[in-house]
Amino acid sequence: MIDGILSASPRPPVIILLGDHGFRNKDPEIARSYDFINLNAVYFPDKNYETLNDTIGNVNELRIVFNKYFNQHLPLLADSTIRLWGVGATSDN
């Protein structure tokens, strides 16, 4: 799919392939941290990825793209995660 987008685009595109959550399994032996490991693949036509890092959250991904390619000045927000599962919810900041 990505190769098709790249070969069919008249000018170099920005491509983001992003999942909304990680592995989900209610087995208590599996670490809950896997819930928040998202698929996140980015292609910038200039191949300059210095504004991204391994811990960036989904909340900031589009802010970085808008700032970089659409001359916006959106501030980055605090990365946080919230788990809504079953009766109680937990928050990891």
PDB file of N, CA and C in Angstrom:
ATOM      1  N   MET A   1       0.831  -1.185   0.000  1.00  0.00           N
ATOM      2  CA  MET A   1       0.000   0.000   0.000  1.00  0.00           C
ATOM      3  C   MET A   1       0.880   1.255   0.000  1.00  0.00           C
ATOM      4  N   ILE A   2       1.882   1.291   0.874  1.00  0.00           N
ATOM      5  CA  ILE A   2       2.759   2.462   0.956  1.00  0.00           C
ATOM      6  C   ILE A   2       3.537   2.642  -0.349  1.00  0.00           C
ATOM      7  N   ASP A   3       4.056   1.544  -0.895  1.00  0.00           N
ATOM      8  CA  ASP A   3       4.770   1.631  -2.176  1.00  0.00           C
ATOM      9  C   ASP A   3       3.863   2.187  -3.270  1.00  0.00           C
ATOM     10  N   GLY A   4       2.594   1.786  -3.269  1.00  0.00           N
ATOM     11  CA  GLY A   4       1.638   2.292  -4.253  1.00  0.00           C
ATOM     12  C   GLY A   4       1.396   3.782  -4.103  1.00  0.00           C
ATOM     13  N   ILE A   5       1.278   4.247  -2.866  1.00  0.00           N
ATOM     14  CA  ILE A   5       1.093   5.680  -2.617  1.00  0.00           C
ATOM     15  C   ILE A   5       2.305   6.457  -3.110  1.00  0.00           C
ATOM     16  N   LEU A   6       3.492   5.955  -2.783  1.00  0.00           N
ATOM     17  CA  LEU A   6       4.722   6.645  -3.190  1.00  0.00           C
ATOM     18  C   LEU A   6       4.868   6.688  -4.711  1.00  0.00           C
ATOM     19  N   SER A   7       4.570   5.582  -5.378  1.00  0.00           N
ATOM     20  CA  SER A   7       4.763   5.547  -6.835  1.00  0.00           C
ATOM     21  C   SER A   7       3.685   6.319  -7.593  1.00  0.00           C
ATOM     22  N   ALA A   8       2.491   6.474  -7.002  1.00  0.00           N
ATOM     23  CA  ALA A   8       1.395   7.151  -7.695  1.00  0.00           C
ATOM     24  C   ALA A   8       1.295   8.639  -7.375  1.00  0.00           C
ATOM     25  N   SER A   9       2.060   9.127  -6.417  1.00  0.00           N
ATOM     26  CA  SER A   9       1.936  10.525  -5.998  1.00  0.00           C
ATOM     27  C   SER A   9       2.695  11.444  -6.940  1.00  0.00           C
ATOM     28  N   PRO A  10       2.048  12.508  -7.427  1.00  0.00           N
ATOM     29  CA  PRO A  10       2.731  13.446  -8.323  1.00  0.00           C
ATOM     30  C   PRO A  10       3.838  14.236  -7.619  1.00  0.00           C
ATOM     31  N   ARG A  11       3.717  14.422  -6.311  1.00  0.00           N
ATOM     32  CA  ARG A  11       4.784  15.038  -5.523  1.00  0.00           C
ATOM     33  C   ARG A  11       4.937  14.231  -4.244  1.00  0.00           C
ATOM     34  N   PRO A  12       6.076  14.295  -3.612  1.00  0.00           N
ATOM     35  CA  PRO A  12       6.327  13.446  -2.439  1.00  0.00           C
ATOM     36  C   PRO A  12       5.306  13.681  -1.328  1.00  0.00           C
ATOM     37  N   PRO A  13       4.658  12.616  -0.874  1.00  0.00           N
ATOM     38  CA  PRO A  13       3.631  12.746   0.160  1.00  0.00           C
ATOM     39  C   PRO A  13       4.207  12.589   1.561  1.00  0.00           C
ATOM     40  N   VAL A  14       3.438  13.037   2.550  1.00  0.00           N
ATOM     41  CA  VAL A  14       3.648  12.677   3.944  1.00  0.00           C
ATOM     42  C   VAL A  14       2.742  11.472   4.178  1.00  0.00           C
ATOM     43  N   ILE A  15       3.290  10.400   4.746  1.00  0.00           N
ATOM     44  CA  ILE A  15       2.504   9.193   4.997  1.00  0.00           C
ATOM     45  C   ILE A  15       2.613   8.846   6.476  1.00  0.00           C
ATOM     46  N   ILE A  16       1.457   8.617   7.101  1.00  0.00           N
ATOM     47  CA  ILE A  16       1.413   8.188   8.499  1.00  0.00           C
ATOM     48  C   ILE A  16       0.564   6.918   8.563  1.00  0.00           C
ATOM     49  N   LEU A  17       1.158   5.851   9.074  1.00  0.00           N
ATOM     50  CA  LEU A  17       0.438   4.612   9.327  1.00  0.00           C
ATOM     51  C   LEU A  17       0.428   4.442  10.840  1.00  0.00           C
ATOM     52  N   LEU A  18      -0.743   4.615  11.451  1.00  0.00           N
ATOM     53  CA  LEU A  18      -0.819   4.745  12.902  1.00  0.00           C
ATOM     54  C   LEU A  18      -1.951   3.901  13.466  1.00  0.00           C
ATOM     55  N   GLY A  19      -1.635   3.081  14.459  1.00  0.00           N
ATOM     56  CA  GLY A  19      -2.650   2.311  15.168  1.00  0.00           C
ATOM     57  C   GLY A  19      -3.174   3.109  16.347  1.00  0.00           C
ATOM     58  N   ASP A  20      -4.353   2.733  16.830  1.00  0.00           N
ATOM     59  CA  ASP A  20      -4.933   3.488  17.950  1.00  0.00           C
ATOM     60  C   ASP A  20      -4.658   2.840  19.298  1.00  0.00           C
ATOM     61  N   HIS A  21      -4.184   1.612  19.324  1.00  0.00           N
ATOM     62  CA  HIS A  21      -3.785   0.982  20.592  1.00  0.00           C
ATOM     63  C   HIS A  21      -2.913  -0.221  20.293  1.00  0.00           C
ATOM     64  N   GLY A  22      -2.278  -0.714  21.318  1.00  0.00           N
ATOM     65  CA  GLY A  22      -1.397  -1.855  21.177  1.00  0.00           C
ATOM     66  C   GLY A  22      -2.117  -3.166  21.411  1.00  0.00           C
ATOM     67  N   PHE A  23      -1.357  -4.181  21.737  1.00  0.00           N
ATOM     68  CA  PHE A  23      -1.855  -5.529  21.965  1.00  0.00           C
ATOM     69  C   PHE A  23      -2.777  -5.557  23.182  1.00  0.00           C
ATOM     70  N   ARG A  24      -3.946  -6.135  23.034  1.00  0.00           N
ATOM     71  CA  ARG A  24      -4.892  -6.222  24.146  1.00  0.00           C
ATOM     72  C   ARG A  24      -5.164  -7.692  24.459  1.00  0.00           C
ATOM     73  N   ASN A  25      -4.943  -8.058  25.698  1.00  0.00           N
ATOM     74  CA  ASN A  25      -5.213  -9.413  26.151  1.00  0.00           C
ATOM     75  C   ASN A  25      -5.467  -9.336  27.648  1.00  0.00           C
ATOM     76  N   LYS A  26      -6.496  -9.995  28.128  1.00  0.00           N
ATOM     77  CA  LYS A  26      -6.845  -9.913  29.549  1.00  0.00           C
ATOM     78  C   LYS A  26      -6.070 -10.907  30.410  1.00  0.00           C
ATOM     79  N   ASP A  27      -5.143 -11.625  29.821  1.00  0.00           N
ATOM     80  CA  ASP A  27      -4.317 -12.560  30.578  1.00  0.00           C
ATOM     81  C   ASP A  27      -3.459 -11.774  31.565  1.00  0.00           C
ATOM     82  N   PRO A  28      -3.591 -12.041  32.877  1.00  0.00           N
ATOM     83  CA  PRO A  28      -2.823 -11.274  33.877  1.00  0.00           C
ATOM     84  C   PRO A  28      -1.311 -11.491  33.789  1.00  0.00           C
ATOM     85  N   GLU A  29      -0.870 -12.504  33.066  1.00  0.00           N
ATOM     86  CA  GLU A  29       0.562 -12.765  32.913  1.00  0.00           C
ATOM     87  C   GLU A  29       1.201 -11.841  31.871  1.00  0.00           C
ATOM     88  N   ILE A  30       0.392 -11.182  31.058  1.00  0.00           N
ATOM     89  CA  ILE A  30       0.905 -10.296  30.006  1.00  0.00           C
ATOM     90  C   ILE A  30       0.941  -8.871  30.544  1.00  0.00           C
ATOM     91  N   ALA A  31       2.095  -8.233  30.436  1.00  0.00           N
ATOM     92  CA  ALA A  31       2.285  -6.882  30.984  1.00  0.00           C
ATOM     93  C   ALA A  31       1.308  -5.887  30.355  1.00  0.00           C
ATOM     94  N   ARG A  32       0.703  -5.049  31.187  1.00  0.00           N
ATOM     95  CA  ARG A  32      -0.249  -4.039  30.715  1.00  0.00           C
ATOM     96  C   ARG A  32       0.431  -2.995  29.824  1.00  0.00           C
ATOM     97  N   SER A  33       1.725  -2.849  29.920  1.00  0.00           N
ATOM     98  CA  SER A  33       2.415  -1.863  29.084  1.00  0.00           C
ATOM     99  C   SER A  33       2.226  -2.149  27.593  1.00  0.00           C
ATOM    100  N   TYR A  34       1.965  -3.398  27.224  1.00  0.00           N
ATOM    101  CA  TYR A  34       1.730  -3.729  25.813  1.00  0.00           C
ATOM    102  C   TYR A  34       0.458  -3.067  25.279  1.00  0.00           C
ATOM    103  N   ASP A  35      -0.459  -2.706  26.161  1.00  0.00           N
ATOM    104  CA  ASP A  35      -1.695  -2.043  25.728  1.00  0.00           C
ATOM    105  C   ASP A  35      -1.419  -0.734  25.000  1.00  0.00           C
ATOM    106  N   PHE A  36      -0.300  -0.106  25.300  1.00  0.00           N
ATOM    107  CA  PHE A  36      -0.022   1.242  24.798  1.00  0.00           C
ATOM    108  C   PHE A  36       1.089   1.297  23.752  1.00  0.00           C
ATOM    109  N   ILE A  37       1.541   0.155  23.279  1.00  0.00           N
ATOM    110  CA  ILE A  37       2.567   0.137  22.242  1.00  0.00           C
ATOM    111  C   ILE A  37       1.847   0.131  20.892  1.00  0.00           C
ATOM    112  N   ASN A  38       1.805   1.276  20.235  1.00  0.00           N
ATOM    113  CA  ASN A  38       1.075   1.453  18.983  1.00  0.00           C
ATOM    114  C   ASN A  38       1.956   1.222  17.776  1.00  0.00           C
ATOM    115  N   LEU A  39       1.323   0.781  16.684  1.00  0.00           N
ATOM    116  CA  LEU A  39       1.984   0.798  15.383  1.00  0.00           C
ATOM    117  C   LEU A  39       2.092   2.265  14.978  1.00  0.00           C
ATOM    118  N   ASN A  40       3.286   2.720  14.644  1.00  0.00           N
ATOM    119  CA  ASN A  40       3.478   4.119  14.269  1.00  0.00           C
ATOM    120  C   ASN A  40       4.616   4.191  13.259  1.00  0.00           C
ATOM    121  N   ALA A  41       4.262   4.334  11.995  1.00  0.00           N
ATOM    122  CA  ALA A  41       5.253   4.448  10.926  1.00  0.00           C
ATOM    123  C   ALA A  41       5.011   5.761  10.189  1.00  0.00           C
ATOM    124  N   VAL A  42       6.063   6.540  10.002  1.00  0.00           N
ATOM    125  CA  VAL A  42       5.954   7.863   9.390  1.00  0.00           C
ATOM    126  C   VAL A  42       6.944   7.970   8.240  1.00  0.00           C
ATOM    127  N   TYR A  43       6.487   8.562   7.139  1.00  0.00           N
ATOM    128  CA  TYR A  43       7.374   8.886   6.020  1.00  0.00           C
ATOM    129  C   TYR A  43       7.267  10.376   5.750  1.00  0.00           C
ATOM    130  N   PHE A  44       8.379  11.070   5.894  1.00  0.00           N
ATOM    131  CA  PHE A  44       8.463  12.475   5.523  1.00  0.00           C
ATOM    132  C   PHE A  44       9.262  12.562   4.226  1.00  0.00           C
ATOM    133  N   PRO A  45       8.796  13.326   3.246  1.00  0.00           N
ATOM    134  CA  PRO A  45       9.518  13.413   1.977  1.00  0.00           C
ATOM    135  C   PRO A  45      10.942  13.960   2.118  1.00  0.00           C
ATOM    136  N   ASP A  46      11.182  14.801   3.128  1.00  0.00           N
ATOM    137  CA  ASP A  46      12.548  15.323   3.307  1.00  0.00           C
ATOM    138  C   ASP A  46      13.425  14.368   4.129  1.00  0.00           C
ATOM    139  N   LYS A  47      12.816  13.281   4.624  1.00  0.00           N
ATOM    140  CA  LYS A  47      13.510  12.251   5.413  1.00  0.00           C
ATOM    141  C   LYS A  47      14.177  12.803   6.679  1.00  0.00           C
ATOM    142  N   ASN A  48      13.687  13.928   7.163  1.00  0.00           N
ATOM    143  CA  ASN A  48      14.199  14.533   8.391  1.00  0.00           C
ATOM    144  C   ASN A  48      13.206  14.221   9.515  1.00  0.00           C
ATOM    145  N   TYR A  49      13.607  13.325  10.402  1.00  0.00           N
ATOM    146  CA  TYR A  49      12.726  12.844  11.465  1.00  0.00           C
ATOM    147  C   TYR A  49      13.153  13.343  12.841  1.00  0.00           C
ATOM    148  N   GLU A  50      13.940  14.403  12.898  1.00  0.00           N
ATOM    149  CA  GLU A  50      14.476  14.863  14.185  1.00  0.00           C
ATOM    150  C   GLU A  50      13.390  15.347  15.153  1.00  0.00           C
ATOM    151  N   THR A  51      12.218  15.709  14.655  1.00  0.00           N
ATOM    152  CA  THR A  51      11.141  16.167  15.544  1.00  0.00           C
ATOM    153  C   THR A  51      10.381  15.002  16.178  1.00  0.00           C
ATOM    154  N   LEU A  52      10.646  13.790  15.723  1.00  0.00           N
ATOM    155  CA  LEU A  52       9.984  12.604  16.268  1.00  0.00           C
ATOM    156  C   LEU A  52      10.932  11.881  17.218  1.00  0.00           C
ATOM    157  N   ASN A  53      10.364  11.128  18.145  1.00  0.00           N
ATOM    158  CA  ASN A  53      11.177  10.283  19.013  1.00  0.00           C
ATOM    159  C   ASN A  53      10.411   8.998  19.297  1.00  0.00           C
ATOM    160  N   ASP A  54      11.061   8.052  19.954  1.00  0.00           N
ATOM    161  CA  ASP A  54      10.466   6.736  20.196  1.00  0.00           C
ATOM    162  C   ASP A  54       9.305   6.756  21.178  1.00  0.00           C
ATOM    163  N   THR A  55       9.141   7.828  21.915  1.00  0.00           N
ATOM    164  CA  THR A  55       8.093   7.850  22.936  1.00  0.00           C
ATOM    165  C   THR A  55       6.952   8.819  22.609  1.00  0.00           C
ATOM    166  N   ILE A  56       6.940   9.368  21.405  1.00  0.00           N
ATOM    167  CA  ILE A  56       5.901  10.338  21.063  1.00  0.00           C
ATOM    168  C   ILE A  56       4.525   9.677  21.083  1.00  0.00           C
ATOM    169  N   GLY A  57       3.561  10.357  21.636  1.00  0.00           N
ATOM    170  CA  GLY A  57       2.199   9.839  21.701  1.00  0.00           C
ATOM    171  C   GLY A  57       1.378  10.281  20.501  1.00  0.00           C
ATOM    172  N   ASN A  58       0.262   9.589  20.300  1.00  0.00           N
ATOM    173  CA  ASN A  58      -0.613   9.929  19.179  1.00  0.00           C
ATOM    174  C   ASN A  58      -1.111  11.365  19.247  1.00  0.00           C
ATOM    175  N   VAL A  59      -1.257  11.891  20.458  1.00  0.00           N
ATOM    176  CA  VAL A  59      -1.782  13.245  20.623  1.00  0.00           C
ATOM    177  C   VAL A  59      -0.878  14.286  19.954  1.00  0.00           C
ATOM    178  N   ASN A  60       0.405  14.007  19.834  1.00  0.00           N
ATOM    179  CA  ASN A  60       1.341  14.981  19.270  1.00  0.00           C
ATOM    180  C   ASN A  60       1.770  14.700  17.832  1.00  0.00           C
ATOM    181  N   GLU A  61       1.476  13.534  17.321  1.00  0.00           N
ATOM    182  CA  GLU A  61       1.928  13.166  15.978  1.00  0.00           C
ATOM    183  C   GLU A  61       1.450  14.158  14.912  1.00  0.00           C
ATOM    184  N   LEU A  62       0.146  14.423  14.875  1.00  0.00           N
ATOM    185  CA  LEU A  62      -0.362  15.351  13.859  1.00  0.00           C
ATOM    186  C   LEU A  62       0.066  16.784  14.126  1.00  0.00           C
ATOM    187  N   ARG A  63       0.250  17.152  15.370  1.00  0.00           N
ATOM    188  CA  ARG A  63       0.746  18.500  15.683  1.00  0.00           C
ATOM    189  C   ARG A  63       2.120  18.705  15.052  1.00  0.00           C
ATOM    190  N   ILE A  64       2.955  17.694  15.119  1.00  0.00           N
ATOM    191  CA  ILE A  64       4.291  17.790  14.514  1.00  0.00           C
ATOM    192  C   ILE A  64       4.180  17.912  12.999  1.00  0.00           C
ATOM    193  N   VAL A  65       3.311  17.115  12.390  1.00  0.00           N
ATOM    194  CA  VAL A  65       3.120  17.194  10.933  1.00  0.00           C
ATOM    195  C   VAL A  65       2.580  18.562  10.534  1.00  0.00           C
ATOM    196  N   PHE A  66       1.572  19.065  11.241  1.00  0.00           N
ATOM    197  CA  PHE A  66       1.003  20.374  10.903  1.00  0.00           C
ATOM    198  C   PHE A  66       2.040  21.483  11.076  1.00  0.00           C
ATOM    199  N   ASN A  67       2.829  21.401  12.121  1.00  0.00           N
ATOM    200  CA  ASN A  67       3.862  22.418  12.340  1.00  0.00           C
ATOM    201  C   ASN A  67       4.921  22.361  11.243  1.00  0.00           C
ATOM    202  N   LYS A  68       5.336  21.171  10.890  1.00  0.00           N
ATOM    203  CA  LYS A  68       6.434  20.993   9.934  1.00  0.00           C
ATOM    204  C   LYS A  68       6.028  21.312   8.490  1.00  0.00           C
ATOM    205  N   TYR A  69       4.836  20.866   8.084  1.00  0.00           N
ATOM    206  CA  TYR A  69       4.473  20.971   6.672  1.00  0.00           C
ATOM    207  C   TYR A  69       3.388  22.004   6.360  1.00  0.00           C
ATOM    208  N   PHE A  70       2.709  22.521   7.374  1.00  0.00           N
ATOM    209  CA  PHE A  70       1.635  23.480   7.131  1.00  0.00           C
ATOM    210  C   PHE A  70       1.858  24.788   7.884  1.00  0.00           C
ATOM    211  N   ASN A  71       3.090  25.022   8.302  1.00  0.00           N
ATOM    212  CA  ASN A  71       3.495  26.273   8.935  1.00  0.00           C
ATOM    213  C   ASN A  71       2.608  26.657  10.120  1.00  0.00           C
ATOM    214  N   GLN A  72       2.237  25.671  10.904  1.00  0.00           N
ATOM    215  CA  GLN A  72       1.466  25.932  12.113  1.00  0.00           C
ATOM    216  C   GLN A  72       2.424  26.068  13.298  1.00  0.00           C
ATOM    217  N   HIS A  73       1.915  26.503  14.402  1.00  0.00           N
ATOM    218  CA  HIS A  73       2.725  26.674  15.615  1.00  0.00           C
ATOM    219  C   HIS A  73       1.967  26.075  16.804  1.00  0.00           C
ATOM    220  N   LEU A  74       1.550  24.839  16.627  1.00  0.00           N
ATOM    221  CA  LEU A  74       0.782  24.160  17.671  1.00  0.00           C
ATOM    222  C   LEU A  74       1.735  23.654  18.746  1.00  0.00           C
ATOM    223  N   PRO A  75       1.458  23.943  20.001  1.00  0.00           N
ATOM    224  CA  PRO A  75       2.336  23.431  21.061  1.00  0.00           C
ATOM    225  C   PRO A  75       2.121  21.936  21.242  1.00  0.00           C
ATOM    226  N   LEU A  76       3.173  21.247  21.641  1.00  0.00           N
ATOM    227  CA  LEU A  76       3.027  19.838  21.964  1.00  0.00           C
ATOM    228  C   LEU A  76       2.350  19.709  23.319  1.00  0.00           C
ATOM    229  N   LEU A  77       1.532  18.698  23.457  1.00  0.00           N
ATOM    230  CA  LEU A  77       0.805  18.441  24.684  1.00  0.00           C
ATOM    231  C   LEU A  77       1.522  17.373  25.502  1.00  0.00           C
ATOM    232  N   ALA A  78       1.181  17.279  26.762  1.00  0.00           N
ATOM    233  CA  ALA A  78       1.771  16.235  27.602  1.00  0.00           C
ATOM    234  C   ALA A  78       1.306  14.881  27.095  1.00  0.00           C
ATOM    235  N   ASP A  79       2.256  13.976  26.892  1.00  0.00           N
ATOM    236  CA  ASP A  79       1.906  12.617  26.501  1.00  0.00           C
ATOM    237  C   ASP A  79       1.379  11.883  27.727  1.00  0.00           C
ATOM    238  N   SER A  80       0.248  11.242  27.590  1.00  0.00           N
ATOM    239  CA  SER A  80      -0.321  10.476  28.692  1.00  0.00           C
ATOM    240  C   SER A  80      -1.122   9.320  28.116  1.00  0.00           C
ATOM    241  N   THR A  81      -1.439   8.371  28.947  1.00  0.00           N
ATOM    242  CA  THR A  81      -2.260   7.245  28.533  1.00  0.00           C
ATOM    243  C   THR A  81      -3.358   7.029  29.557  1.00  0.00           C
ATOM    244  N   ILE A  82      -4.497   6.568  29.066  1.00  0.00           N
ATOM    245  CA  ILE A  82      -5.625   6.254  29.938  1.00  0.00           C
ATOM    246  C   ILE A  82      -6.151   4.886  29.528  1.00  0.00           C
ATOM    247  N   ARG A  83      -6.311   4.018  30.477  1.00  0.00           N
ATOM    248  CA  ARG A  83      -6.846   2.684  30.219  1.00  0.00           C
ATOM    249  C   ARG A  83      -8.263   2.622  30.769  1.00  0.00           C
ATOM    250  N   LEU A  84      -9.229   2.362  29.893  1.00  0.00           N
ATOM    251  CA  LEU A  84     -10.612   2.164  30.289  1.00  0.00           C
ATOM    252  C   LEU A  84     -10.920   0.702  30.026  1.00  0.00           C
ATOM    253  N   TRP A  85     -10.962  -0.073  31.088  1.00  0.00           N
ATOM    254  CA  TRP A  85     -11.140  -1.493  30.903  1.00  0.00           C
ATOM    255  C   TRP A  85     -11.881  -2.062  32.095  1.00  0.00           C
ATOM    256  N   GLY A  86     -12.997  -2.655  31.882  1.00  0.00           N
ATOM    257  CA  GLY A  86     -13.746  -3.242  32.973  1.00  0.00           C
ATOM    258  C   GLY A  86     -14.376  -2.172  33.845  1.00  0.00           C
ATOM    259  N   VAL A  87     -14.367  -2.398  35.142  1.00  0.00           N
ATOM    260  CA  VAL A  87     -15.041  -1.531  36.084  1.00  0.00           C
ATOM    261  C   VAL A  87     -14.260  -0.254  36.345  1.00  0.00           C
ATOM    262  N   GLY A  88     -12.951  -0.353  36.549  1.00  0.00           N
ATOM    263  CA  GLY A  88     -12.151   0.814  36.906  1.00  0.00           C
ATOM    264  C   GLY A  88     -11.305   1.289  35.740  1.00  0.00           C
ATOM    265  N   ALA A  89     -10.845   2.503  35.817  1.00  0.00           N
ATOM    266  CA  ALA A  89      -9.948   3.064  34.811  1.00  0.00           C
ATOM    267  C   ALA A  89      -8.665   3.477  35.516  1.00  0.00           C
ATOM    268  N   THR A  90      -7.560   3.351  34.802  1.00  0.00           N
ATOM    269  CA  THR A  90      -6.298   3.801  35.360  1.00  0.00           C
ATOM    270  C   THR A  90      -5.680   4.797  34.414  1.00  0.00           C
ATOM    271  N   SER A  91      -4.845   5.648  34.944  1.00  0.00           N
ATOM    272  CA  SER A  91      -4.175   6.665  34.138  1.00  0.00           C
ATOM    273  C   SER A  91      -2.685   6.586  34.417  1.00  0.00           C
ATOM    274  N   ASP A  92      -1.897   6.599  33.349  1.00  0.00           N
ATOM    275  CA  ASP A  92      -0.438   6.616  33.452  1.00  0.00           C
ATOM    276  C   ASP A  92       0.052   7.904  32.813  1.00  0.00           C
ATOM    277  N   ASN A  93       0.608   8.807  33.583  1.00  0.00           N
ATOM    278  CA  ASN A  93       1.096  10.086  33.039  1.00  0.00           C
ATOM    279  C   ASN A  93       2.595  10.110  33.041  1.00  0.00           C
TER     280      ASN A  93
END
